[in-house]
Amino acid sequence: MSRKRKKGAKATAASMVLEVLKKKNAVNKETALPVDAFKDLKLTTTTLSYTIANLVEEGVVGQTEDGKFYYDDAGFKALETKFVRGYAMIFIIPIAAVILIYFIQFLMK
């Protein structure tokens, strides 16, 4: 269950890069695209470089030996799972703490 991505001016740099890769079917090393495939994106060179580097580091975008890029669906799913776990921990730990405190108070009576 993926969330709906914003398009146009409200799209993030990462979603814009991923959209280019998906639209051009760059999904493996054989179909990977060179960096100039992103030239039409309304991003500065610095922003584009930073975004692609982060996506490669997170495993969402793969990079070939000759400097081309492709979308890695398995990497995206792994990152999505990591975020879900992180957000779950933000909510689960406080709820568990409240239940534990309530249980301790109940036993003390």
Protein backbone atom coordinates (compact mmCIF):
# COMPACT_ATOMS: atom_id res chain seq x y z
CA MET A 1 0.00 0.00 0.00
CA SER A 2 1.92 3.00 -1.26
CA ARG A 3 0.86 6.53 -0.63
CA LYS A 4 -0.16 8.75 -3.53
CA ARG A 5 2.73 10.86 -4.81
CA LYS A 6 2.42 14.60 -5.44
CA LYS A 7 2.94 15.82 -8.97
CA GLY A 8 4.03 19.11 -10.43
CA ALA A 9 5.44 21.90 -8.28
CA LYS A 10 4.66 20.08 -5.02
CA ALA A 11 6.55 16.92 -5.96
CA THR A 12 9.72 16.20 -4.04
CA ALA A 13 13.03 15.95 -5.85
CA ALA A 14 13.18 12.24 -5.02
CA SER A 15 9.73 11.53 -6.45
CA MET A 16 10.63 13.47 -9.60
CA VAL A 17 13.80 11.40 -10.11
CA LEU A 18 11.95 8.13 -9.47
CA GLU A 19 9.18 9.13 -11.86
CA VAL A 20 11.69 9.67 -14.68
CA LEU A 21 13.25 6.26 -14.06
CA LYS A 22 9.88 4.51 -13.96
CA LYS A 23 8.44 6.30 -17.01
CA LYS A 24 11.49 5.40 -19.08
CA ASN A 25 11.40 1.83 -17.71
CA ALA A 26 14.89 2.05 -16.24
CA VAL A 27 14.41 -0.83 -13.81
CA ASN A 28 17.66 -2.79 -14.13
CA LYS A 29 21.28 -2.40 -15.20
CA GLU A 30 20.46 -3.13 -18.85
CA THR A 31 17.86 -0.34 -19.08
CA ALA A 32 19.68 2.16 -16.83
CA LEU A 33 19.74 5.82 -17.85
CA PRO A 34 22.60 8.33 -17.93
CA VAL A 35 22.37 11.42 -15.73
CA ASP A 36 21.36 13.59 -18.69
CA ALA A 37 17.98 11.79 -18.69
CA PHE A 38 17.09 14.11 -15.78
CA LYS A 39 17.97 17.33 -17.62
CA ASP A 40 14.32 18.38 -18.02
CA LEU A 41 13.62 18.28 -14.29
CA LYS A 42 13.30 21.70 -12.71
CA LEU A 43 16.04 21.00 -10.17
CA THR A 44 19.42 22.61 -9.68
CA THR A 45 22.44 20.47 -10.43
CA THR A 46 23.29 20.40 -6.73
CA THR A 47 19.79 19.28 -5.74
CA LEU A 48 19.74 16.62 -8.44
CA SER A 49 23.18 15.30 -7.44
CA TYR A 50 22.28 15.24 -3.75
CA THR A 51 18.93 13.54 -4.43
CA ILE A 52 20.38 10.83 -6.65
CA ALA A 53 23.24 10.20 -4.21
CA ASN A 54 20.77 9.78 -1.34
CA LEU A 55 18.57 7.44 -3.37
CA VAL A 56 21.60 5.35 -4.33
CA GLU A 57 22.75 5.26 -0.69
CA GLU A 58 19.28 4.12 0.45
CA GLY A 59 19.21 1.43 -2.25
CA VAL A 60 16.17 2.85 -4.04
CA VAL A 61 18.23 3.71 -7.12
CA GLY A 62 20.95 1.47 -8.46
CA GLN A 63 24.04 2.73 -10.22
CA THR A 64 25.96 0.88 -12.91
CA GLU A 65 29.72 0.84 -13.28
CA ASP A 66 29.46 3.32 -16.17
CA GLY A 67 27.49 5.87 -14.13
CA LYS A 68 23.94 5.10 -15.26
CA PHE A 69 20.95 4.87 -12.92
CA TYR A 70 17.90 2.61 -12.54
CA TYR A 71 14.96 2.21 -10.17
CA ASP A 72 15.31 -0.67 -7.72
CA ASP A 73 11.84 -1.78 -6.61
CA ALA A 74 13.21 -4.14 -3.95
CA GLY A 75 15.27 -1.28 -2.50
CA PHE A 76 12.20 0.98 -2.48
CA LYS A 77 10.14 -1.65 -0.66
CA ALA A 78 12.92 -2.14 1.90
CA LEU A 79 13.06 1.62 2.53
CA GLU A 80 9.27 1.78 2.82
CA THR A 81 9.36 -1.06 5.38
CA LYS A 82 12.09 0.77 7.32
CA PHE A 83 9.93 3.91 7.51
CA VAL A 84 6.85 1.97 8.58
CA ARG A 85 8.84 0.29 11.36
CA GLY A 86 10.27 3.63 12.45
CA TYR A 87 6.88 5.31 12.63
CA ALA A 88 5.38 2.26 14.34
CA MET A 89 8.03 2.50 17.05
CA ILE A 90 7.16 6.16 17.61
CA PHE A 91 3.62 5.08 18.50
CA ILE A 92 4.10 1.59 19.95
CA ILE A 93 6.71 2.46 22.59
CA PRO A 94 4.65 5.26 24.21
CA ILE A 95 1.48 3.14 24.17
CA ALA A 96 3.35 0.19 25.71
CA ALA A 97 4.81 2.50 28.37
CA VAL A 98 1.35 3.84 29.27
CA ILE A 99 -0.04 0.30 29.53
CA LEU A 100 2.93 -0.77 31.67
CA ILE A 101 2.51 2.23 34.00
CA TYR A 102 -1.22 1.55 34.28
CA PHE A 103 -0.56 -2.13 35.03
CA ILE A 104 2.04 -1.26 37.71
CA GLN A 105 -0.38 1.19 39.32
CA PHE A 106 -3.11 -1.45 39.23
CA LEU A 107 -0.84 -3.97 41.03
CA MET A 108 0.16 -1.42 43.67
CA LYS A 109 -3.44 -0.95 44.86
